[in-house]
Protein backbone atom coordinates (compact mmCIF):
# COMPACT_ATOMS: atom_id res chain seq x y z
CA MET A 1 -70.38 -21.88 -5.80
CA THR A 2 -70.34 -23.02 -2.18
CA THR A 3 -67.26 -22.49 0.18
CA THR A 4 -67.16 -22.98 3.79
CA HIS A 5 -66.04 -20.09 5.56
CA VAL A 6 -65.57 -20.25 9.62
CA PHE A 7 -65.71 -17.13 11.74
CA ILE A 8 -64.35 -17.19 14.62
CA VAL A 9 -65.99 -15.38 17.86
CA ASP A 10 -66.19 -14.96 21.88
CA THR A 11 -68.99 -15.25 24.21
CA ASN A 12 -69.85 -11.40 23.60
CA THR A 13 -69.32 -10.91 19.71
CA PHE A 14 -71.06 -14.12 19.04
CA LYS A 15 -74.13 -12.87 20.61
CA TYR A 16 -74.07 -9.57 17.98
CA HIS A 17 -72.99 -11.80 15.36
CA LEU A 18 -76.55 -13.56 15.81
CA GLU A 19 -78.70 -11.09 16.64
CA TYR A 20 -77.96 -8.30 13.88
CA LEU A 21 -77.01 -11.63 11.34
CA PHE A 22 -73.42 -10.64 10.27
CA ALA A 23 -69.97 -12.22 10.48
CA GLY A 24 -67.04 -10.08 10.96
CA THR A 25 -63.46 -9.91 11.73
CA GLY A 26 -61.10 -7.11 12.72
CA SER A 27 -57.57 -6.36 13.64
CA LYS A 28 -56.64 -4.33 16.99
CA GLU A 29 -57.30 -0.97 16.61
CA ASN A 30 -56.04 -0.35 12.78
CA PHE A 31 -57.57 1.97 10.61
CA ILE A 32 -57.71 0.99 6.77
CA ASP A 33 -56.03 4.20 5.38
CA PHE A 34 -55.84 2.68 1.66
CA ASN A 35 -59.10 1.55 0.24
CA ASN A 36 -59.52 3.00 -2.67
CA CYS A 37 -56.13 4.97 -2.52
CA LYS A 38 -52.86 4.68 -3.28
CA ASP A 39 -50.81 5.90 -0.53
CA SER A 40 -50.83 4.55 2.91
CA ASN A 41 -49.03 5.47 6.30
CA LEU A 42 -49.56 2.37 8.01
CA ASN A 43 -46.56 0.54 8.76
CA PRO A 44 -46.08 -2.31 5.93
CA LYS A 45 -46.38 -5.35 7.80
CA THR A 46 -49.54 -4.05 9.40
CA GLU A 47 -50.93 -2.99 5.71
CA ILE A 48 -49.57 -6.75 4.78
CA SER A 49 -51.91 -8.05 7.55
CA LEU A 50 -54.88 -5.81 6.98
CA VAL A 51 -54.85 -7.03 3.34
CA GLU A 52 -54.50 -10.62 3.90
CA MET A 53 -57.99 -10.32 6.06
CA ILE A 54 -59.34 -8.72 3.25
CA ALA A 55 -58.62 -11.14 0.86
CA ASP A 56 -60.02 -13.45 3.41
CA SER A 57 -63.16 -11.35 3.61
CA GLN A 58 -63.76 -11.28 -0.51
CA ARG A 59 -63.32 -15.06 -0.48
CA VAL A 60 -67.16 -15.29 0.62
CA ARG A 61 -69.49 -14.89 -1.91
CA LYS A 62 -73.41 -14.87 -2.03
CA GLY A 63 -74.79 -18.51 -0.98
CA ASP A 64 -71.72 -19.32 0.52
CA PHE A 65 -71.88 -21.30 4.09
CA ILE A 66 -70.89 -19.80 7.33
CA VAL A 67 -70.11 -21.57 10.37
CA PHE A 68 -69.46 -19.87 13.86
CA TYR A 69 -66.05 -21.05 16.41
CA LEU A 70 -66.69 -20.49 19.69
CA GLN A 71 -63.46 -19.48 21.51
CA GLN A 72 -62.31 -21.61 24.44
CA ASN A 73 -63.03 -19.39 27.31
CA PHE A 74 -62.82 -20.67 31.36
CA ASN A 75 -63.62 -16.95 32.84
CA GLU A 76 -66.89 -17.83 31.17
CA SER A 77 -67.43 -21.87 31.88
CA VAL A 78 -66.53 -22.74 28.27
CA TRP A 79 -64.59 -25.20 28.32
CA GLU A 80 -63.98 -26.10 25.33
CA GLY A 81 -64.60 -24.43 21.39
CA LYS A 82 -67.42 -25.38 19.76
CA PHE A 83 -68.50 -24.50 15.82
CA PHE A 84 -72.13 -23.40 15.46
CA GLY A 85 -74.02 -22.87 12.49
CA ILE A 86 -75.34 -23.41 10.01
CA PHE A 87 -75.86 -19.89 7.99
CA LYS A 88 -75.41 -18.56 4.53
CA ALA A 89 -73.74 -15.24 2.81
CA LYS A 90 -76.83 -13.19 1.96
CA GLU A 91 -74.68 -10.53 -0.33
CA ASP A 92 -72.40 -11.11 -3.03
CA PHE A 93 -69.56 -9.09 -1.63
CA SER A 94 -67.95 -8.62 2.23
CA PHE A 95 -67.92 -4.67 2.78
CA LEU A 96 -65.55 -2.42 5.05
CA ASP A 97 -67.00 -0.51 8.02
CA ASN A 98 -63.74 1.25 9.20
CA ASN A 99 -62.56 1.31 12.52
CA ASP A 100 -63.67 4.78 14.04
CA ALA A 101 -66.01 6.46 16.41
CA ASN A 102 -69.46 5.42 13.83
CA GLN A 103 -68.08 2.22 13.48
CA PHE A 104 -71.63 0.31 13.74
CA LEU A 105 -71.75 -2.02 17.24
CA LYS A 106 -68.25 -1.18 18.37
CA GLN A 107 -68.89 -0.45 21.86
CA GLN A 108 -71.42 -3.30 21.97
CA LEU A 109 -68.80 -5.71 20.65
CA ASN A 110 -65.76 -4.36 22.59
CA LYS A 111 -63.34 -4.64 19.27
CA SER A 112 -63.21 -3.54 16.23
CA LEU A 113 -64.68 -5.58 13.13
CA THR A 114 -63.60 -3.97 10.34
CA PHE A 115 -64.54 -6.40 7.12
CA ARG A 116 -68.08 -7.43 7.28
CA THR A 117 -70.08 -9.84 5.83
CA ILE A 118 -74.28 -9.94 6.17
CA ILE A 119 -75.83 -13.33 6.47
CA GLU A 120 -79.12 -15.35 7.17
CA PRO A 121 -79.97 -18.86 8.41
CA TYR A 122 -79.93 -21.90 6.63
CA GLU A 123 -79.78 -24.89 9.04
CA VAL A 124 -79.29 -22.85 11.98
CA TYR A 125 -78.76 -25.84 15.30
CA SER A 126 -79.23 -24.79 18.69
CA LYS A 127 -76.38 -27.23 20.57
CA GLY A 128 -72.67 -26.38 19.29
CA VAL A 129 -70.32 -29.48 18.22
CA THR A 130 -67.35 -29.53 20.68
CA GLU A 131 -63.81 -29.03 19.20
CA TRP A 132 -63.27 -32.90 20.76
CA GLU A 133 -65.92 -34.01 18.33
CA ALA A 134 -65.09 -32.32 15.18
CA LEU A 135 -60.99 -32.43 15.35
CA ASP A 136 -59.85 -35.07 17.69
CA GLU A 137 -62.67 -37.78 17.75
CA ILE A 138 -61.50 -40.21 14.30
CA LYS A 139 -63.69 -43.49 15.76
CA ASN A 140 -66.02 -43.10 12.23
CA LEU A 141 -62.81 -42.05 10.20
CA SER A 142 -60.59 -45.00 8.09
CA SER A 143 -58.02 -42.68 7.37
CA PRO A 144 -55.98 -39.48 8.42
CA ASN A 145 -56.62 -37.69 5.74
CA GLN A 146 -60.24 -37.65 6.76
CA MET A 147 -59.74 -35.81 9.56
CA LEU A 148 -60.59 -31.68 9.41
CA TRP A 149 -57.05 -30.66 8.41
CA SER A 150 -57.76 -27.08 7.62
CA LEU A 151 -59.19 -26.43 11.04
CA ILE A 152 -56.47 -28.19 12.50
CA TYR A 153 -53.89 -26.35 10.77
CA ARG A 154 -55.58 -22.93 11.98
CA LYS A 155 -55.94 -24.42 15.69
CA LEU A 156 -51.80 -24.77 15.12
CA LYS A 157 -51.05 -21.52 13.53
CA GLY A 158 -53.99 -19.59 14.65
CA ASN A 159 -54.52 -15.58 14.20
CA ARG A 160 -56.89 -15.80 11.25
CA GLY A 161 -60.61 -14.55 11.99
CA ASN A 162 -61.67 -16.37 8.94
CA THR A 163 -60.70 -19.52 7.51
CA MET A 164 -62.36 -21.59 4.89
CA ILE A 165 -62.91 -25.39 4.41
CA THR A 166 -62.72 -27.99 1.74
CA ILE A 167 -66.31 -29.15 0.46
CA TYR A 168 -65.93 -32.77 1.69
CA GLU A 169 -64.57 -30.89 5.48
CA SER A 170 -68.25 -29.04 5.44
CA GLU A 171 -70.23 -32.11 4.84
CA ARG A 172 -68.12 -33.87 7.78
CA LEU A 173 -68.97 -30.94 10.11
CA PHE A 174 -72.64 -29.81 8.88
CA LYS A 175 -73.50 -33.93 9.92
CA LEU A 176 -71.86 -33.41 13.16
CA LEU A 177 -74.10 -30.22 13.65
CA ARG A 178 -77.54 -32.31 12.40
CA ASP A 179 -76.62 -35.59 14.42
CA LYS A 180 -75.74 -33.35 17.90
CA ASN A 181 -79.24 -31.90 17.29
CA ASN A 182 -81.17 -35.12 16.01
CA HIS A 183 -81.90 -33.10 12.64
CA GLN A 184 -84.21 -30.69 14.63
CA ILE A 185 -83.47 -26.89 13.27
CA LEU A 186 -84.76 -23.87 15.05
CA SER A 187 -87.62 -22.60 13.12
CA GLU A 188 -87.51 -18.96 13.58
CA ASN A 189 -85.10 -16.40 12.07
CA SER A 190 -83.86 -14.25 15.41
CA PHE A 191 -81.78 -15.48 17.10
CA SER A 192 -79.73 -14.95 20.15
CA PHE A 193 -76.65 -17.03 22.40
CA ASP A 194 -77.69 -18.37 26.21
CA LEU A 195 -74.30 -18.23 27.45
CA GLN A 196 -75.45 -20.67 30.52
CA LYS A 197 -76.43 -22.85 28.31
CA GLN A 198 -74.10 -22.59 25.67
CA GLU A 199 -76.50 -22.76 23.05
CA ILE A 200 -78.15 -20.67 20.24
CA ILE A 201 -81.56 -19.68 21.16
CA ILE A 202 -84.84 -18.36 19.27
CA THR A 203 -85.20 -14.83 20.41
CA GLU A 204 -88.72 -12.69 20.01
CA SER A 205 -86.20 -9.60 19.45
CA LYS A 206 -85.71 -8.27 16.11
CA HIS A 207 -82.65 -6.41 15.12
CA LEU A 208 -82.01 -4.02 12.10
CA TYR A 209 -78.35 -4.30 10.67
CA SER A 210 -77.62 -0.53 9.67
CA GLY A 211 -73.85 0.21 9.63
CA ARG A 212 -72.11 1.07 7.04
CA LYS A 213 -71.37 -0.97 3.94
CA GLU A 214 -67.90 0.60 2.11
CA VAL A 215 -67.17 -1.26 -1.05
CA ILE A 216 -63.44 -2.58 -0.96
CA ASN A 217 -60.91 -1.44 -3.72
CA ILE A 218 -57.60 -2.31 -3.52
CA MET A 219 -56.44 -2.05 -7.05
CA PRO A 220 -55.48 2.29 -6.96
CA ARG A 221 -52.69 0.73 -3.85
CA LEU A 222 -52.01 -2.31 -5.67
CA ILE A 223 -51.31 0.16 -9.24
CA ASN A 224 -49.09 2.41 -6.93
CA LYS A 225 -46.68 -0.51 -5.60
CA LEU A 226 -46.43 -2.27 -8.79
CA LEU A 227 -45.25 1.21 -10.26
CA VAL A 228 -42.91 2.04 -7.67
CA ARG A 229 -41.22 -1.89 -7.22
CA MET A 230 -42.82 -2.26 -3.21
CA ALA A 231 -43.78 -5.89 -2.83
CA PHE A 232 -47.47 -6.54 -3.88
CA GLU A 233 -47.99 -10.03 -3.58
CA ALA A 234 -50.97 -9.74 -0.68
CA HIS A 235 -52.30 -7.44 -2.64
CA LEU A 236 -52.28 -9.69 -6.04
CA GLN A 237 -54.03 -12.30 -4.01
CA ALA A 238 -56.68 -10.33 -2.69
CA TYR A 239 -57.34 -8.63 -6.06
CA ILE A 240 -57.45 -12.16 -7.63
CA VAL A 241 -59.58 -13.73 -4.69
CA GLN A 242 -62.05 -10.56 -5.10
CA ASN A 243 -62.63 -10.71 -8.59
CA ILE A 244 -61.89 -14.46 -10.10
CA GLY A 245 -65.16 -16.03 -11.88
CA ARG A 246 -67.37 -12.36 -11.27
CA GLY A 247 -67.03 -11.42 -15.13
CA LYS A 248 -65.12 -8.44 -13.67
CA ASN A 249 -61.37 -9.00 -15.17
CA ARG A 250 -61.98 -11.14 -18.89
CA SER A 251 -58.64 -12.13 -19.17
CA LEU A 252 -58.40 -13.22 -15.40
CA ASP A 253 -61.30 -15.60 -15.75
CA ILE A 254 -60.19 -17.08 -19.40
CA ALA A 255 -56.70 -18.13 -17.83
CA LEU A 256 -57.91 -19.03 -14.55
CA THR A 257 -60.66 -20.97 -15.26
CA ASP A 258 -61.26 -21.14 -19.13
CA ASN A 259 -65.10 -20.38 -18.30
CA ILE A 260 -65.43 -23.54 -16.24
CA GLN A 261 -68.02 -23.53 -13.06
CA ILE A 262 -65.95 -22.31 -9.51
CA GLU A 263 -67.60 -24.32 -7.07
CA TRP A 264 -65.25 -23.51 -4.52
CA LEU A 265 -62.39 -21.03 -3.46
CA GLY A 266 -59.70 -20.47 -1.00
CA ASN A 267 -56.77 -18.31 -0.13
CA GLU A 268 -54.02 -19.19 1.66
CA VAL A 269 -54.74 -23.03 1.92
CA SER A 270 -52.88 -24.74 4.73
CA CYS A 271 -50.98 -27.77 2.94
CA GLY A 272 -48.87 -28.87 6.26
CA VAL A 273 -48.44 -28.29 10.09
CA GLY A 274 -45.16 -25.95 8.57
CA MET A 275 -45.99 -22.57 6.84
CA GLN A 276 -46.58 -24.23 3.92
CA ARG A 277 -49.75 -22.09 1.99
CA ILE A 278 -51.07 -22.49 -1.34
CA ASP A 279 -51.52 -19.05 -2.29
CA VAL A 280 -55.34 -19.29 -4.05
CA MET A 281 -56.94 -22.76 -4.74
CA LEU A 282 -60.07 -23.09 -6.73
CA SER A 283 -62.06 -26.32 -7.67
CA LEU A 284 -63.63 -26.27 -10.99
CA ALA A 285 -67.00 -28.26 -11.91
CA LYS A 286 -66.62 -29.80 -15.31
CA GLU A 287 -69.51 -31.98 -16.80
CA ASN A 288 -68.47 -34.79 -15.17
CA SER A 289 -65.00 -34.27 -13.54
CA LYS A 290 -63.28 -31.60 -10.89
CA VAL A 291 -60.64 -30.07 -11.65
CA VAL A 292 -58.84 -28.46 -8.33
CA VAL A 293 -56.33 -25.40 -9.30
CA PRO A 294 -53.41 -24.86 -6.52
CA ILE A 295 -52.09 -21.12 -7.99
CA GLU A 296 -48.75 -19.76 -6.62
CA LEU A 297 -48.48 -16.52 -7.21
CA LYS A 298 -45.14 -14.55 -7.57
CA SER A 299 -45.75 -10.22 -7.29
CA VAL A 300 -41.88 -10.30 -9.87
CA GLU A 301 -40.93 -12.21 -12.26
CA ALA A 302 -40.62 -15.98 -11.51
CA LYS A 303 -37.42 -18.02 -10.85
CA PRO A 304 -36.98 -21.60 -11.21
CA LYS A 305 -36.94 -22.27 -7.61
CA VAL A 306 -40.83 -21.69 -7.27
CA ILE A 307 -41.22 -25.19 -8.78
CA ASN A 308 -40.41 -26.43 -5.46
CA GLN A 309 -43.47 -24.87 -3.85
CA ILE A 310 -45.93 -25.80 -6.95
CA GLN A 311 -44.28 -29.44 -6.06
CA ARG A 312 -45.41 -29.51 -2.63
CA TYR A 313 -48.94 -28.39 -3.06
CA VAL A 314 -49.12 -31.42 -5.60
CA ASP A 315 -47.84 -33.68 -3.15
CA TRP A 316 -50.10 -32.61 -0.34
CA LEU A 317 -52.89 -32.44 -2.66
CA GLU A 318 -52.54 -36.19 -4.06
CA GLN A 319 -52.37 -37.35 0.07
CA TYR A 320 -54.81 -35.09 1.83
CA TYR A 321 -57.36 -33.67 -0.82
CA ILE A 322 -57.64 -36.04 -3.65
CA PRO A 323 -59.09 -39.08 -1.67
CA ASN A 324 -61.76 -37.21 -0.38
CA ARG A 325 -62.75 -35.57 -3.68
CA ILE A 326 -61.81 -37.18 -6.77
CA SER A 327 -60.05 -34.13 -8.85
CA ASP A 328 -57.43 -33.73 -11.50
CA ILE A 329 -55.16 -31.38 -10.78
CA GLN A 330 -53.95 -28.36 -12.66
CA PRO A 331 -51.02 -26.93 -11.08
CA VAL A 332 -50.45 -22.99 -11.58
CA LEU A 333 -47.71 -20.37 -11.75
CA ILE A 334 -48.54 -16.65 -11.94
CA SER A 335 -46.00 -13.93 -11.82
CA LYS A 336 -45.05 -10.84 -13.58
CA LYS A 337 -45.03 -10.86 -17.13
CA ILE A 338 -41.01 -11.34 -18.33
CA GLU A 339 -40.13 -9.15 -21.05
CA ASN A 340 -36.82 -10.65 -22.28
CA LYS A 341 -37.93 -14.59 -23.05
CA THR A 342 -34.17 -15.14 -24.36
CA SER A 343 -33.24 -14.41 -20.68
CA GLU A 344 -30.86 -17.66 -19.21
CA ASN A 345 -33.31 -16.79 -16.17
CA TYR A 346 -36.48 -17.38 -18.47
CA LYS A 347 -34.89 -20.70 -20.10
CA SER A 348 -34.23 -22.02 -16.75
CA ILE A 349 -37.63 -21.75 -15.62
CA ILE A 350 -38.96 -23.20 -18.81
CA GLN A 351 -36.48 -25.97 -18.21
CA SER A 352 -38.36 -26.32 -14.60
CA PHE A 353 -41.52 -26.59 -16.12
CA TYR A 354 -40.59 -29.51 -18.52
CA GLN A 355 -38.92 -31.27 -15.35
CA PHE A 356 -41.87 -30.99 -13.16
CA ASN A 357 -44.44 -31.96 -16.27
CA GLU A 358 -42.29 -35.38 -16.33
CA LYS A 359 -42.24 -36.10 -13.01
CA ASN A 360 -45.89 -35.13 -12.85
CA LYS A 361 -47.78 -37.07 -14.98
CA CYS A 362 -50.56 -37.64 -12.52
CA CYS A 363 -51.98 -33.84 -13.07
CA TYR A 364 -51.94 -31.84 -16.10
CA PRO A 365 -49.03 -29.60 -17.16
CA LEU A 366 -48.37 -26.38 -15.54
CA LYS A 367 -49.57 -23.71 -16.53
CA TYR A 368 -47.80 -20.40 -16.67
CA ILE A 369 -49.62 -17.58 -16.73
CA GLU A 370 -47.78 -13.51 -16.59
CA PHE A 371 -49.67 -10.48 -15.28
CA GLU A 372 -48.82 -6.60 -16.96
CA LEU A 373 -50.95 -3.57 -16.42
CA ILE A 374 -52.28 -2.29 -19.28
CA GLU A 375 -53.97 0.99 -18.86
CA ASN A 376 -54.55 0.85 -15.02
CA SER A 377 -56.00 -2.87 -15.45
CA LEU A 378 -54.40 -6.06 -15.24
CA ASN A 379 -54.17 -8.14 -17.81
CA PHE A 380 -53.65 -11.65 -17.65
CA GLN A 381 -52.60 -14.03 -20.54
CA VAL A 382 -51.63 -17.94 -20.54
CA VAL A 383 -48.06 -18.36 -21.55
CA LYS A 384 -47.20 -21.25 -24.18
CA TYR A 385 -43.48 -23.10 -23.65
């Protein structure tokens, strides 16, 4: 699996990311009090925001590509944002280094970066590609759907320190980096950032990353919120992103992938200039074809109107994704198990599925998956209708 993740940095943090070979995100001065714990004293909105960041961090898998986006900063003479790379994730799990006095490099970074990933060089180039070159320049594009919409949407909405981009967007961004640098790769493994030149440079100094690497486990918190009937959709997303395809939850893997190889994984995938986002999206690599899987999540029992969101996802994929990466579409709805299959609500949901399938002959019939808690584990089951 080779998803590309774009991490946002400033002139100071970028230097330490390069020297110590890690990528990280954080949220102000918040302390994560719910890791491997069922309770939290955080404000609910703050907790949700942090769980969303956990989902972003757990999206990263060993071998995934890492690109840095250096933010515009007039005070530092960074007149426009730039993309630098290319690195790879060295380890299979992103980890937690909580916000306290022992957080590694906190003083040097001048901020808390709570969720971190160890990286290694892949093809590292000295010069960055400007935001204009990557997002605005269209002279070599034949259609608007070839633009880097994942990054354009991120720019419009902001406030996300780790954004994934699609495979075809990665290919375009990597080509821009290679062309900008005349395909000249930096040959060493020790790097820093030259602010005056605004380039990645080779350095003789070697730095060892020696910070804490706490495993992230939100399951106790998710279970508690489920049992006391509190909202936990963000936690459900983080759980699925963290565990899908790892062999950790067999029912999840079978229900979502049928054991087909995952080639790309995304969460909160923007699909419009509004606030529409696909909760989780997969690209599966069959022997002779690709299948893109947009997944709508509900931590409660589904309602018929959810089909409207899924329809928007399919419409966007057909116009923006499919022309760039020919794939079949397998829409999926995951929601809490409906015990009463004779209820009017259930009948209405199933009827909405039939109507959706009739309207969308271009894609596979909607797959409906229910989850329930069994012996402190989430069990996922495809519902035949």
